[in-house]
Amino acid sequence: METDKLIDTIFEISQKGGKTLQELTLKCVEEIGELSQAVLSYTKAKGCAYKNLNKEDVIEELADVFLVNIAMAQELGITKEDLKKEIERKLNKWIQKMDN
């Protein structure tokens, strides 16, 4: 699915979800916690390997974090175009920092 269609679909679904910005923020924190658990287990961090999570689990949690973040943008009324511009701006900032 192309990027524009993907964002449109996430916006559409998140509108139907009816979560407030506060609820989405807490959901984001929850998903980041799950991502942290998956990474700790996948990398066999001391005391965390017992969960036996793998790379696919990490990818799944990454996707959840991504989806919630896009839903938060929609809830804030950020347009797809503005979101893409901001992502591009931040990406360019990353590139500049890496080049220095």
Protein backbone atom coordinates (compact mmCIF):
# COMPACT_ATOMS: atom_id res chain seq x y z
CA MET A 1 0.00 0.00 0.00
CA GLU A 2 1.43 3.40 -0.92
CA THR A 3 2.16 5.92 1.84
CA ASP A 4 -0.75 8.27 1.08
CA LYS A 5 -3.27 5.43 1.04
CA LEU A 6 -1.78 3.99 4.22
CA ILE A 7 -2.11 7.29 6.09
CA ASP A 8 -5.64 7.81 4.73
CA THR A 9 -6.65 4.35 5.96
CA ILE A 10 -5.15 4.91 9.41
CA PHE A 11 -6.90 8.31 9.66
CA GLU A 12 -10.22 6.75 8.62
CA ILE A 13 -9.99 3.88 11.09
CA SER A 14 -8.83 6.11 13.95
CA GLN A 15 -11.83 8.40 13.43
CA LYS A 16 -14.08 5.40 13.96
CA GLY A 17 -12.18 4.46 17.13
CA GLY A 18 -13.37 7.55 18.94
CA LYS A 19 -10.43 7.75 21.37
CA THR A 20 -9.48 11.12 22.79
CA LEU A 21 -5.97 12.51 22.53
CA GLN A 22 -5.40 11.57 26.17
CA GLU A 23 -6.54 7.99 25.54
CA LEU A 24 -4.36 7.74 22.45
CA THR A 25 -1.37 9.10 24.38
CA LEU A 26 -1.83 6.46 27.07
CA LYS A 27 -2.27 3.81 24.39
CA CYS A 28 1.00 4.98 22.84
CA VAL A 29 2.77 4.62 26.18
CA GLU A 30 1.28 1.14 26.55
CA GLU A 31 2.49 0.14 23.09
CA ILE A 32 5.96 1.54 23.77
CA GLY A 33 6.06 -0.59 26.92
CA GLU A 34 5.16 -3.67 24.88
CA LEU A 35 7.84 -2.75 22.33
CA SER A 36 10.35 -2.43 25.16
CA GLN A 37 9.43 -5.87 26.48
CA ALA A 38 9.74 -7.38 23.01
CA VAL A 39 13.18 -5.81 22.44
CA LEU A 40 14.44 -6.87 25.87
CA SER A 41 13.28 -10.45 25.31
CA TYR A 42 14.53 -10.59 21.71
CA THR A 43 17.97 -9.33 22.71
CA LYS A 44 18.06 -11.74 25.66
CA ALA A 45 18.49 -8.95 28.22
CA LYS A 46 19.17 -10.24 31.70
CA GLY A 47 15.92 -11.42 33.29
CA CYS A 48 13.86 -10.89 30.12
CA ALA A 49 14.75 -13.75 27.80
CA TYR A 50 12.20 -16.10 29.37
CA LYS A 51 9.41 -14.54 27.30
CA ASN A 52 11.04 -15.96 24.15
CA LEU A 53 9.93 -13.07 21.96
CA ASN A 54 11.43 -12.87 18.51
CA LYS A 55 12.09 -10.35 15.75
CA GLU A 56 8.53 -10.71 14.45
CA ASP A 57 7.21 -9.72 17.88
CA VAL A 58 9.41 -6.61 17.80
CA ILE A 59 8.14 -5.74 14.32
CA GLU A 60 4.53 -6.19 15.47
CA GLU A 61 5.05 -3.81 18.38
CA LEU A 62 6.81 -1.29 16.13
CA ALA A 63 3.77 -1.34 13.87
CA ASP A 64 1.44 -0.77 16.84
CA VAL A 65 3.48 2.25 17.97
CA PHE A 66 3.43 3.63 14.41
CA LEU A 67 -0.34 3.19 14.07
CA VAL A 68 -1.12 4.89 17.38
CA ASN A 69 1.16 7.81 16.52
CA ILE A 70 -0.59 8.36 13.19
CA ALA A 71 -3.95 8.15 14.97
CA MET A 72 -2.75 10.83 17.38
CA ALA A 73 -1.88 13.08 14.45
CA GLN A 74 -5.38 12.59 13.07
CA GLU A 75 -6.94 13.39 16.45
CA LEU A 76 -4.92 16.63 16.55
CA GLY A 77 -6.32 17.56 13.15
CA ILE A 78 -2.96 17.32 11.41
CA THR A 79 -3.39 16.81 7.68
CA LYS A 80 -1.65 14.06 5.79
CA GLU A 81 0.33 16.68 3.89
CA ASP A 82 1.46 18.46 7.07
CA LEU A 83 2.39 15.15 8.66
CA LYS A 84 4.47 14.17 5.64
CA LYS A 85 6.17 17.60 5.62
CA GLU A 86 7.05 17.31 9.31
CA ILE A 87 8.39 13.79 8.89
CA GLU A 88 10.50 14.97 5.96
CA ARG A 89 11.75 17.97 7.98
CA LYS A 90 12.73 15.75 10.90
CA LEU A 91 14.35 13.22 8.59
CA ASN A 92 16.46 15.96 7.03
CA LYS A 93 17.47 17.05 10.53
CA TRP A 94 18.56 13.47 11.30
CA ILE A 95 20.57 13.38 8.08
CA GLN A 96 22.30 16.66 8.90
CA LYS A 97 23.23 15.43 12.36
CA MET A 98 24.65 12.21 10.93
CA ASP A 99 26.73 14.14 8.39
CA ASN A 100 28.35 16.25 11.12
